[in-house]
Amino acid sequence: MSREVRKLKQAQIVGRIHVSGEFVAKVYGLMDPGSTMVVTDGSADPSRRYCVWFYYPRFGNPLIVLHFFIALTVLMGEGLDGLASDLQREAPRIESQVLQKALAASNCATAQGVPVQSPLLTVIDYSKPSVEPRLWVFDLAKRKLLFEELVAHGQESGDNFARHFSNDLGSLKTSLGLFLTGAIYQGRNGYTMKLDGLEPGYNDQSGVRAIVMHGAAYVSAEIARKLGRLGRSWGCPAVRKKIAKKLIDSIRDGSLVFAYYPDASWQSSSKFLNCGG
């Protein structure tokens, strides 16, 4: 009996999911129709919180193929709840419902085949005032908070509070929804990262509008104290210049950004907040 088989027999099975070959191929780069995924609690291997296994019918033996936590949260609601609790402890100032929506949207995007390349997730809560930190970057694999930062909104979205959002060119308003981070370039605002809006009608004009992440001198605690709000962008989620490069380099090239506001229209129609609906 192989070491992997012995581990599987020793470990407590906490979930079992039948997956199609197409799904496996999209998420894990594998193809084996009829496979069964088995998720264990890792008790047979204390170095891992969870182990993810696949049964391959044609081989007859289970093989460990992945130890990437985001894959588990895609497949298991129990894992998602536990992840949210751990991240909430890391970032007590984030609203629990916002974090849960962000995680659900992230999982849905992965399940739908969005080419996510990183376990990092950025959450922006535009219902909070601009003078408070309202951008968080989480490492879902390590269940850690990496950044908690100030972030600006668009000039026409509001003053200290953002109230108005748009996908329209020239609106100078912030866009809501799920984005995929893109490439880096040097723009007029310095070190800049492209954002690809994934939600038609809400942020899919981000490329045309040049909605990007960059550093800005008008984003700082000093400006917040002086004006009673941050300076405002043309719709971009601008961050402190001092932290911009480090933050951008962490989340660039294929991580998700979830921009939230309790907008009823967006929440009811978002394909990522209403997964499979």
C-alpha atoms as a PDB file:
ATOM      1  CA  MET A   1       0.000   0.000   0.000  1.00  0.00           C
ATOM      2  CA  SER A   2       1.422   3.416  -0.958  1.00  0.00           C
ATOM      3  CA  ARG A   3       2.150   6.151   1.578  1.00  0.00           C
ATOM      4  CA  GLU A   4      -0.591   8.298   0.008  1.00  0.00           C
ATOM      5  CA  VAL A   5      -3.166   5.511   0.349  1.00  0.00           C
ATOM      6  CA  ARG A   6      -2.232   4.934   3.998  1.00  0.00           C
ATOM      7  CA  LYS A   7      -2.646   8.647   4.700  1.00  0.00           C
ATOM      8  CA  LEU A   8      -6.062   8.693   3.094  1.00  0.00           C
ATOM      9  CA  LYS A   9      -7.195   5.711   5.136  1.00  0.00           C
ATOM     10  CA  GLN A  10      -5.997   7.367   8.351  1.00  0.00           C
ATOM     11  CA  ALA A  11      -7.485  10.799   7.695  1.00  0.00           C
ATOM     12  CA  GLN A  12     -11.041  11.817   8.457  1.00  0.00           C
ATOM     13  CA  ILE A  13     -12.998  12.486   5.286  1.00  0.00           C
ATOM     14  CA  VAL A  14     -14.838  15.815   5.640  1.00  0.00           C
ATOM     15  CA  GLY A  15     -16.093  16.167   2.098  1.00  0.00           C
ATOM     16  CA  ARG A  16     -16.526  14.223  -1.101  1.00  0.00           C
ATOM     17  CA  ILE A  17     -17.313  15.903  -4.405  1.00  0.00           C
ATOM     18  CA  HIS A  18     -17.931  14.281  -7.770  1.00  0.00           C
ATOM     19  CA  VAL A  19     -16.447  16.494 -10.441  1.00  0.00           C
ATOM     20  CA  SER A  20     -16.619  16.422 -14.201  1.00  0.00           C
ATOM     21  CA  GLY A  21     -13.514  16.161 -16.324  1.00  0.00           C
ATOM     22  CA  GLU A  22     -14.285  19.607 -17.768  1.00  0.00           C
ATOM     23  CA  PHE A  23     -14.345  21.206 -14.317  1.00  0.00           C
ATOM     24  CA  VAL A  24     -11.138  19.473 -13.281  1.00  0.00           C
ATOM     25  CA  ALA A  25      -9.451  20.633 -16.464  1.00  0.00           C
ATOM     26  CA  LYS A  26     -10.495  24.240 -15.937  1.00  0.00           C
ATOM     27  CA  VAL A  27      -9.487  24.489 -12.294  1.00  0.00           C
ATOM     28  CA  TYR A  28      -6.566  22.119 -11.986  1.00  0.00           C
ATOM     29  CA  GLY A  29      -5.293  21.586 -15.517  1.00  0.00           C
ATOM     30  CA  LEU A  30      -6.229  17.901 -15.379  1.00  0.00           C
ATOM     31  CA  MET A  31      -8.632  15.749 -17.348  1.00  0.00           C
ATOM     32  CA  ASP A  32     -10.143  12.562 -16.045  1.00  0.00           C
ATOM     33  CA  PRO A  33     -13.937  12.282 -16.425  1.00  0.00           C
ATOM     34  CA  GLY A  34     -15.597  10.441 -13.565  1.00  0.00           C
ATOM     35  CA  SER A  35     -12.994  11.394 -10.969  1.00  0.00           C
ATOM     36  CA  THR A  36     -14.008  11.789  -7.358  1.00  0.00           C
ATOM     37  CA  MET A  37     -12.480  14.430  -5.133  1.00  0.00           C
ATOM     38  CA  VAL A  38     -12.016  13.604  -1.457  1.00  0.00           C
ATOM     39  CA  VAL A  39     -11.221  16.353   1.027  1.00  0.00           C
ATOM     40  CA  THR A  40      -9.692  15.338   4.356  1.00  0.00           C
ATOM     41  CA  ASP A  41      -9.016  17.340   7.479  1.00  0.00           C
ATOM     42  CA  GLY A  42      -5.262  16.775   7.240  1.00  0.00           C
ATOM     43  CA  SER A  43      -5.103  14.804  10.494  1.00  0.00           C
ATOM     44  CA  ALA A  44      -2.855  12.230   8.847  1.00  0.00           C
ATOM     45  CA  ASP A  45      -0.453  15.007   7.905  1.00  0.00           C
ATOM     46  CA  PRO A  46      -0.230  17.748  10.587  1.00  0.00           C
ATOM     47  CA  SER A  47       1.738  20.027   8.267  1.00  0.00           C
ATOM     48  CA  ARG A  48      -1.365  20.607   6.163  1.00  0.00           C
ATOM     49  CA  ARG A  49      -4.685  21.962   7.335  1.00  0.00           C
ATOM     50  CA  TYR A  50      -6.498  20.193   4.519  1.00  0.00           C
ATOM     51  CA  CYS A  51      -5.488  17.671   1.898  1.00  0.00           C
ATOM     52  CA  VAL A  52      -7.193  17.426  -1.462  1.00  0.00           C
ATOM     53  CA  TRP A  53      -7.190  14.033  -3.164  1.00  0.00           C
ATOM     54  CA  PHE A  54      -8.418  12.662  -6.454  1.00  0.00           C
ATOM     55  CA  TYR A  55      -9.515   9.119  -7.163  1.00  0.00           C
ATOM     56  CA  TYR A  56      -8.636   8.158 -10.717  1.00  0.00           C
ATOM     57  CA  PRO A  57     -10.830   5.212 -11.808  1.00  0.00           C
ATOM     58  CA  ARG A  58      -8.385   4.010 -14.417  1.00  0.00           C
ATOM     59  CA  PHE A  59      -5.515   3.944 -11.903  1.00  0.00           C
ATOM     60  CA  GLY A  60      -7.439   2.585  -8.908  1.00  0.00           C
ATOM     61  CA  ASN A  61      -5.349   4.597  -6.422  1.00  0.00           C
ATOM     62  CA  PRO A  62      -5.815   8.065  -4.944  1.00  0.00           C
ATOM     63  CA  LEU A  63      -3.164  10.640  -5.730  1.00  0.00           C
ATOM     64  CA  ILE A  64      -2.461  13.889  -3.957  1.00  0.00           C
ATOM     65  CA  VAL A  65      -2.563  16.535  -6.663  1.00  0.00           C
ATOM     66  CA  LEU A  66      -3.198  19.826  -4.890  1.00  0.00           C
ATOM     67  CA  HIS A  67      -2.694  21.537  -1.545  1.00  0.00           C
ATOM     68  CA  PHE A  68      -4.012  24.930  -2.576  1.00  0.00           C
ATOM     69  CA  PHE A  69      -6.615  26.240  -0.122  1.00  0.00           C
ATOM     70  CA  ILE A  70      -8.533  28.367  -2.594  1.00  0.00           C
ATOM     71  CA  ALA A  71      -9.503  25.185  -4.431  1.00  0.00           C
ATOM     72  CA  LEU A  72     -11.053  23.842  -1.273  1.00  0.00           C
ATOM     73  CA  THR A  73     -13.118  26.973  -0.702  1.00  0.00           C
ATOM     74  CA  VAL A  74     -14.425  26.708  -4.249  1.00  0.00           C
ATOM     75  CA  LEU A  75     -15.842  23.314  -3.435  1.00  0.00           C
ATOM     76  CA  MET A  76     -16.812  23.352   0.221  1.00  0.00           C
ATOM     77  CA  GLY A  77     -19.162  25.768   1.966  1.00  0.00           C
ATOM     78  CA  GLU A  78     -17.875  24.594   5.342  1.00  0.00           C
ATOM     79  CA  GLY A  79     -14.379  25.581   4.311  1.00  0.00           C
ATOM     80  CA  LEU A  80     -15.634  28.973   3.150  1.00  0.00           C
ATOM     81  CA  ASP A  81     -17.233  29.728   6.522  1.00  0.00           C
ATOM     82  CA  GLY A  82     -14.070  28.747   8.333  1.00  0.00           C
ATOM     83  CA  LEU A  83     -11.954  30.871   6.029  1.00  0.00           C
ATOM     84  CA  ALA A  84     -14.198  33.904   6.584  1.00  0.00           C
ATOM     85  CA  SER A  85     -13.896  33.504  10.364  1.00  0.00           C
ATOM     86  CA  ASP A  86     -10.110  33.320  10.201  1.00  0.00           C
ATOM     87  CA  LEU A  87      -9.865  36.361   7.932  1.00  0.00           C
ATOM     88  CA  GLN A  88     -12.291  38.315  10.120  1.00  0.00           C
ATOM     89  CA  ARG A  89      -9.932  37.810  13.048  1.00  0.00           C
ATOM     90  CA  GLU A  90      -7.083  39.094  10.883  1.00  0.00           C
ATOM     91  CA  ALA A  91      -9.080  42.182   9.840  1.00  0.00           C
ATOM     92  CA  PRO A  92     -11.696  43.011  12.505  1.00  0.00           C
ATOM     93  CA  ARG A  93     -12.600  46.310  10.828  1.00  0.00           C
ATOM     94  CA  ILE A  94     -13.994  44.676   7.698  1.00  0.00           C
ATOM     95  CA  GLU A  95     -17.733  44.043   7.769  1.00  0.00           C
ATOM     96  CA  SER A  96     -18.432  40.317   7.933  1.00  0.00           C
ATOM     97  CA  GLN A  97     -21.131  40.416   5.249  1.00  0.00           C
ATOM     98  CA  VAL A  98     -18.790  42.233   2.864  1.00  0.00           C
ATOM     99  CA  LEU A  99     -16.043  39.684   3.426  1.00  0.00           C
ATOM    100  CA  GLN A 100     -18.472  36.802   2.908  1.00  0.00           C
ATOM    101  CA  LYS A 101     -19.740  38.312  -0.334  1.00  0.00           C
ATOM    102  CA  ALA A 102     -16.171  38.833  -1.547  1.00  0.00           C
ATOM    103  CA  LEU A 103     -15.245  35.217  -0.826  1.00  0.00           C
ATOM    104  CA  ALA A 104     -18.405  33.929  -2.486  1.00  0.00           C
ATOM    105  CA  ALA A 105     -17.749  36.042  -5.581  1.00  0.00           C
ATOM    106  CA  SER A 106     -14.131  34.864  -5.702  1.00  0.00           C
ATOM    107  CA  ASN A 107     -15.156  31.227  -5.491  1.00  0.00           C
ATOM    108  CA  CYS A 108     -17.825  31.673  -8.138  1.00  0.00           C
ATOM    109  CA  ALA A 109     -15.363  33.346 -10.504  1.00  0.00           C
ATOM    110  CA  THR A 110     -12.920  30.455 -10.158  1.00  0.00           C
ATOM    111  CA  ALA A 111     -15.685  27.903 -10.711  1.00  0.00           C
ATOM    112  CA  GLN A 112     -16.796  29.785 -13.830  1.00  0.00           C
ATOM    113  CA  GLY A 113     -13.327  29.590 -15.340  1.00  0.00           C
ATOM    114  CA  VAL A 114     -12.004  33.093 -14.703  1.00  0.00           C
ATOM    115  CA  PRO A 115      -8.218  32.668 -15.086  1.00  0.00           C
ATOM    116  CA  VAL A 116      -7.286  33.443 -11.489  1.00  0.00           C
ATOM    117  CA  GLN A 117      -3.545  33.014 -10.974  1.00  0.00           C
ATOM    118  CA  SER A 118      -3.159  33.932  -7.315  1.00  0.00           C
ATOM    119  CA  PRO A 119      -4.678  33.097  -3.913  1.00  0.00           C
ATOM    120  CA  LEU A 120      -4.684  36.803  -3.018  1.00  0.00           C
ATOM    121  CA  LEU A 121      -8.017  38.622  -2.805  1.00  0.00           C
ATOM    122  CA  THR A 122      -8.435  42.401  -2.539  1.00  0.00           C
ATOM    123  CA  VAL A 123     -11.626  43.705  -0.959  1.00  0.00           C
ATOM    124  CA  ILE A 124     -12.723  47.352  -1.151  1.00  0.00           C
ATOM    125  CA  ASP A 125     -15.749  48.489   0.858  1.00  0.00           C
ATOM    126  CA  TYR A 126     -16.954  51.774  -0.617  1.00  0.00           C
ATOM    127  CA  SER A 127     -19.751  52.009   1.958  1.00  0.00           C
ATOM    128  CA  LYS A 128     -17.099  53.156   4.440  1.00  0.00           C
ATOM    129  CA  PRO A 129     -15.850  56.767   4.527  1.00  0.00           C
ATOM    130  CA  SER A 130     -12.693  57.550   2.594  1.00  0.00           C
ATOM    131  CA  VAL A 131     -10.885  58.677   5.776  1.00  0.00           C
ATOM    132  CA  GLU A 132     -10.973  55.100   7.090  1.00  0.00           C
ATOM    133  CA  PRO A 133      -8.992  52.131   5.793  1.00  0.00           C
ATOM    134  CA  ARG A 134     -11.382  50.312   3.454  1.00  0.00           C
ATOM    135  CA  LEU A 135      -9.099  48.233   1.244  1.00  0.00           C
ATOM    136  CA  TRP A 136      -7.857  44.848   2.433  1.00  0.00           C
ATOM    137  CA  VAL A 137      -5.621  42.318   0.708  1.00  0.00           C
ATOM    138  CA  PHE A 138      -5.914  38.761   1.990  1.00  0.00           C
ATOM    139  CA  ASP A 139      -3.848  35.681   1.268  1.00  0.00           C
ATOM    140  CA  LEU A 140      -6.540  32.994   1.137  1.00  0.00           C
ATOM    141  CA  ALA A 141      -4.015  30.167   1.119  1.00  0.00           C
ATOM    142  CA  LYS A 142      -2.315  31.337   4.309  1.00  0.00           C
ATOM    143  CA  ARG A 143      -5.449  32.934   5.801  1.00  0.00           C
ATOM    144  CA  LYS A 144      -3.509  36.136   6.419  1.00  0.00           C
ATOM    145  CA  LEU A 145      -4.109  39.853   6.028  1.00  0.00           C
ATOM    146  CA  LEU A 146      -1.373  41.453   3.929  1.00  0.00           C
ATOM    147  CA  PHE A 147      -2.587  45.052   3.603  1.00  0.00           C
ATOM    148  CA  GLU A 148      -5.188  47.315   5.202  1.00  0.00           C
ATOM    149  CA  GLU A 149      -5.184  50.642   3.408  1.00  0.00           C
ATOM    150  CA  LEU A 150      -6.873  53.898   2.514  1.00  0.00           C
ATOM    151  CA  VAL A 151      -8.262  54.030  -1.022  1.00  0.00           C
ATOM    152  CA  ALA A 152      -9.774  56.893  -3.010  1.00  0.00           C
ATOM    153  CA  HIS A 153     -12.974  56.912  -5.050  1.00  0.00           C
ATOM    154  CA  GLY A 154     -14.011  58.901  -8.096  1.00  0.00           C
ATOM    155  CA  GLN A 155     -14.654  62.647  -8.086  1.00  0.00           C
ATOM    156  CA  GLU A 156     -18.296  62.269  -9.058  1.00  0.00           C
ATOM    157  CA  SER A 157     -18.970  59.372  -6.695  1.00  0.00           C
ATOM    158  CA  GLY A 158     -19.154  61.606  -3.627  1.00  0.00           C
ATOM    159  CA  ASP A 159     -17.116  63.483  -1.050  1.00  0.00           C
ATOM    160  CA  ASN A 160     -16.072  61.525   2.032  1.00  0.00           C
ATOM    161  CA  PHE A 161     -18.641  58.850   1.232  1.00  0.00           C
ATOM    162  CA  ALA A 162     -19.044  57.329  -2.222  1.00  0.00           C
ATOM    163  CA  ARG A 163     -22.724  57.288  -3.154  1.00  0.00           C
ATOM    164  CA  HIS A 164     -22.787  57.141  -6.946  1.00  0.00           C
ATOM    165  CA  PHE A 165     -21.199  54.558  -9.237  1.00  0.00           C
ATOM    166  CA  SER A 166     -20.923  54.157 -12.973  1.00  0.00           C
ATOM    167  CA  ASN A 167     -19.484  52.116 -15.818  1.00  0.00           C
ATOM    168  CA  ASP A 168     -19.680  55.023 -18.266  1.00  0.00           C
ATOM    169  CA  LEU A 169     -16.765  56.674 -20.019  1.00  0.00           C
ATOM    170  CA  GLY A 170     -16.263  60.221 -18.743  1.00  0.00           C
ATOM    171  CA  SER A 171     -18.396  59.755 -15.632  1.00  0.00           C
ATOM    172  CA  LEU A 172     -15.442  60.165 -13.231  1.00  0.00           C
ATOM    173  CA  LYS A 173     -17.234  57.694 -10.983  1.00  0.00           C
ATOM    174  CA  THR A 174     -16.049  54.516  -9.315  1.00  0.00           C
ATOM    175  CA  SER A 175     -17.208  51.142 -10.666  1.00  0.00           C
ATOM    176  CA  LEU A 176     -18.423  48.243  -8.554  1.00  0.00           C
ATOM    177  CA  GLY A 177     -17.969  44.505  -8.893  1.00  0.00           C
ATOM    178  CA  LEU A 178     -15.277  41.933  -9.474  1.00  0.00           C
ATOM    179  CA  PHE A 179     -12.069  42.761 -11.347  1.00  0.00           C
ATOM    180  CA  LEU A 180      -9.070  40.701 -12.418  1.00  0.00           C
ATOM    181  CA  THR A 181      -5.725  42.409 -11.970  1.00  0.00           C
ATOM    182  CA  GLY A 182      -3.554  42.837 -15.034  1.00  0.00           C
ATOM    183  CA  ALA A 183      -0.184  44.060 -16.196  1.00  0.00           C
ATOM    184  CA  ILE A 184       1.968  46.901 -14.894  1.00  0.00           C
ATOM    185  CA  TYR A 185       2.983  50.007 -16.779  1.00  0.00           C
ATOM    186  CA  GLN A 186       4.400  53.446 -16.089  1.00  0.00           C
ATOM    187  CA  GLY A 187       1.635  55.997 -16.556  1.00  0.00           C
ATOM    188  CA  ARG A 188       1.119  59.631 -15.717  1.00  0.00           C
ATOM    189  CA  ASN A 189       0.445  58.551 -12.128  1.00  0.00           C
ATOM    190  CA  GLY A 190       3.618  56.468 -11.980  1.00  0.00           C
ATOM    191  CA  TYR A 191       3.580  52.748 -11.224  1.00  0.00           C
ATOM    192  CA  THR A 192       0.177  51.573 -12.432  1.00  0.00           C
ATOM    193  CA  MET A 193      -1.743  48.302 -12.658  1.00  0.00           C
ATOM    194  CA  LYS A 194      -4.495  47.534 -15.150  1.00  0.00           C
ATOM    195  CA  LEU A 195      -7.857  46.228 -13.938  1.00  0.00           C
ATOM    196  CA  ASP A 196     -10.085  44.042 -16.077  1.00  0.00           C
ATOM    197  CA  GLY A 197     -13.749  44.465 -15.102  1.00  0.00           C
ATOM    198  CA  LEU A 198     -15.608  41.138 -15.172  1.00  0.00           C
ATOM    199  CA  GLU A 199     -19.189  42.356 -14.735  1.00  0.00           C
ATOM    200  CA  PRO A 200     -21.076  43.526 -17.848  1.00  0.00           C
ATOM    201  CA  GLY A 201     -22.902  46.786 -17.290  1.00  0.00           C
ATOM    202  CA  TYR A 202     -21.074  47.546 -14.058  1.00  0.00           C
ATOM    203  CA  ASN A 203     -17.311  47.525 -14.650  1.00  0.00           C
ATOM    204  CA  ASP A 204     -16.585  45.961 -18.046  1.00  0.00           C
ATOM    205  CA  GLN A 205     -15.636  49.367 -19.502  1.00  0.00           C
ATOM    206  CA  SER A 206     -12.647  49.593 -17.172  1.00  0.00           C
ATOM    207  CA  GLY A 207     -10.205  49.278 -20.065  1.00  0.00           C
ATOM    208  CA  VAL A 208     -11.826  52.023 -22.132  1.00  0.00           C
ATOM    209  CA  ARG A 209     -12.114  54.215 -19.050  1.00  0.00           C
ATOM    210  CA  ALA A 210      -8.519  53.494 -17.967  1.00  0.00           C
ATOM    211  CA  ILE A 211      -9.676  52.394 -14.535  1.00  0.00           C
ATOM    212  CA  VAL A 212      -6.421  51.302 -12.935  1.00  0.00           C
ATOM    213  CA  MET A 213      -4.742  51.121  -9.545  1.00  0.00           C
ATOM    214  CA  HIS A 214      -2.004  53.650  -8.841  1.00  0.00           C
ATOM    215  CA  GLY A 215      -0.490  55.706  -6.077  1.00  0.00           C
ATOM    216  CA  ALA A 216      -1.578  59.282  -5.445  1.00  0.00           C
ATOM    217  CA  ALA A 217      -0.377  62.143  -3.239  1.00  0.00           C
ATOM    218  CA  TYR A 218      -4.000  62.921  -2.343  1.00  0.00           C
ATOM    219  CA  VAL A 219      -4.343  59.592  -0.527  1.00  0.00           C
ATOM    220  CA  SER A 220      -2.864  59.928   2.961  1.00  0.00           C
ATOM    221  CA  ALA A 221      -3.869  60.264   6.599  1.00  0.00           C
ATOM    222  CA  GLU A 222      -2.626  63.869   6.508  1.00  0.00           C
ATOM    223  CA  ILE A 223      -4.935  64.772   3.613  1.00  0.00           C
ATOM    224  CA  ALA A 224      -7.811  63.043   5.391  1.00  0.00           C
ATOM    225  CA  ARG A 225      -7.245  65.160   8.526  1.00  0.00           C
ATOM    226  CA  LYS A 226      -6.874  68.357   6.525  1.00  0.00           C
ATOM    227  CA  LEU A 227      -9.875  67.981   4.199  1.00  0.00           C
ATOM    228  CA  GLY A 228     -12.112  65.639   6.162  1.00  0.00           C
ATOM    229  CA  ARG A 229     -11.894  63.276   3.184  1.00  0.00           C
ATOM    230  CA  LEU A 230      -9.306  61.919   0.774  1.00  0.00           C
ATOM    231  CA  GLY A 231      -8.612  63.521  -2.552  1.00  0.00           C
ATOM    232  CA  ARG A 232     -10.532  61.896  -5.385  1.00  0.00           C
ATOM    233  CA  SER A 233      -9.585  60.148  -8.614  1.00  0.00           C
ATOM    234  CA  TRP A 234     -11.224  59.932 -12.028  1.00  0.00           C
ATOM    235  CA  GLY A 235     -12.736  56.637 -10.958  1.00  0.00           C
ATOM    236  CA  CYS A 236      -9.581  54.687 -10.073  1.00  0.00           C
ATOM    237  CA  PRO A 237      -8.934  52.988  -6.730  1.00  0.00           C
ATOM    238  CA  ALA A 238      -5.901  55.137  -5.911  1.00  0.00           C
ATOM    239  CA  VAL A 239      -3.780  54.244  -2.863  1.00  0.00           C
ATOM    240  CA  ARG A 240      -0.980  55.861  -0.860  1.00  0.00           C
ATOM    241  CA  LYS A 241       2.115  56.539  -2.960  1.00  0.00           C
ATOM    242  CA  LYS A 242       4.357  55.084  -0.259  1.00  0.00           C
ATOM    243  CA  ILE A 243       2.656  51.690  -0.386  1.00  0.00           C
ATOM    244  CA  ALA A 244       1.528  51.631  -4.040  1.00  0.00           C
ATOM    245  CA  LYS A 245       4.392  49.659  -5.602  1.00  0.00           C
ATOM    246  CA  LYS A 246       4.541  47.040  -2.862  1.00  0.00           C
ATOM    247  CA  LEU A 247       0.776  46.543  -2.890  1.00  0.00           C
ATOM    248  CA  ILE A 248       0.514  46.459  -6.681  1.00  0.00           C
ATOM    249  CA  ASP A 249       3.399  44.006  -7.047  1.00  0.00           C
ATOM    250  CA  SER A 250       1.649  41.699  -4.582  1.00  0.00           C
ATOM    251  CA  ILE A 251      -1.665  41.533  -6.439  1.00  0.00           C
ATOM    252  CA  ARG A 252      -0.697  42.060 -10.094  1.00  0.00           C
ATOM    253  CA  ASP A 253      -1.220  39.625 -12.966  1.00  0.00           C
ATOM    254  CA  GLY A 254      -4.243  37.544 -12.115  1.00  0.00           C
ATOM    255  CA  SER A 255      -5.650  38.119  -8.641  1.00  0.00           C
ATOM    256  CA  LEU A 256      -9.207  39.260  -7.902  1.00  0.00           C
ATOM    257  CA  VAL A 257     -10.380  42.645  -6.648  1.00  0.00           C
ATOM    258  CA  PHE A 258     -13.893  42.910  -5.187  1.00  0.00           C
ATOM    259  CA  ALA A 259     -15.281  46.462  -5.068  1.00  0.00           C
ATOM    260  CA  TYR A 260     -18.376  46.605  -2.848  1.00  0.00           C
ATOM    261  CA  TYR A 261     -21.232  48.966  -2.117  1.00  0.00           C
ATOM    262  CA  PRO A 262     -24.767  47.911  -1.081  1.00  0.00           C
ATOM    263  CA  ASP A 263     -26.179  48.745  -4.493  1.00  0.00           C
ATOM    264  CA  ALA A 264     -29.364  46.729  -4.938  1.00  0.00           C
ATOM    265  CA  SER A 265     -29.218  46.578  -8.733  1.00  0.00           C
ATOM    266  CA  TRP A 266     -25.648  45.304  -8.861  1.00  0.00           C
ATOM    267  CA  GLN A 267     -26.125  42.802  -6.040  1.00  0.00           C
ATOM    268  CA  SER A 268     -29.250  41.303  -7.590  1.00  0.00           C
ATOM    269  CA  SER A 269     -27.767  40.958 -11.088  1.00  0.00           C
ATOM    270  CA  SER A 270     -24.097  40.137 -10.431  1.00  0.00           C
ATOM    271  CA  LYS A 271     -23.252  36.732 -11.900  1.00  0.00           C
ATOM    272  CA  PHE A 272     -20.637  36.305  -9.179  1.00  0.00           C
ATOM    273  CA  LEU A 273     -22.925  37.125  -6.249  1.00  0.00           C
ATOM    274  CA  ASN A 274     -25.668  34.952  -7.701  1.00  0.00           C
ATOM    275  CA  CYS A 275     -23.565  32.009  -8.788  1.00  0.00           C
ATOM    276  CA  GLY A 276     -25.501  29.656 -11.016  1.00  0.00           C
ATOM    277  CA  GLY A 277     -28.588  31.823 -10.712  1.00  0.00           C
END
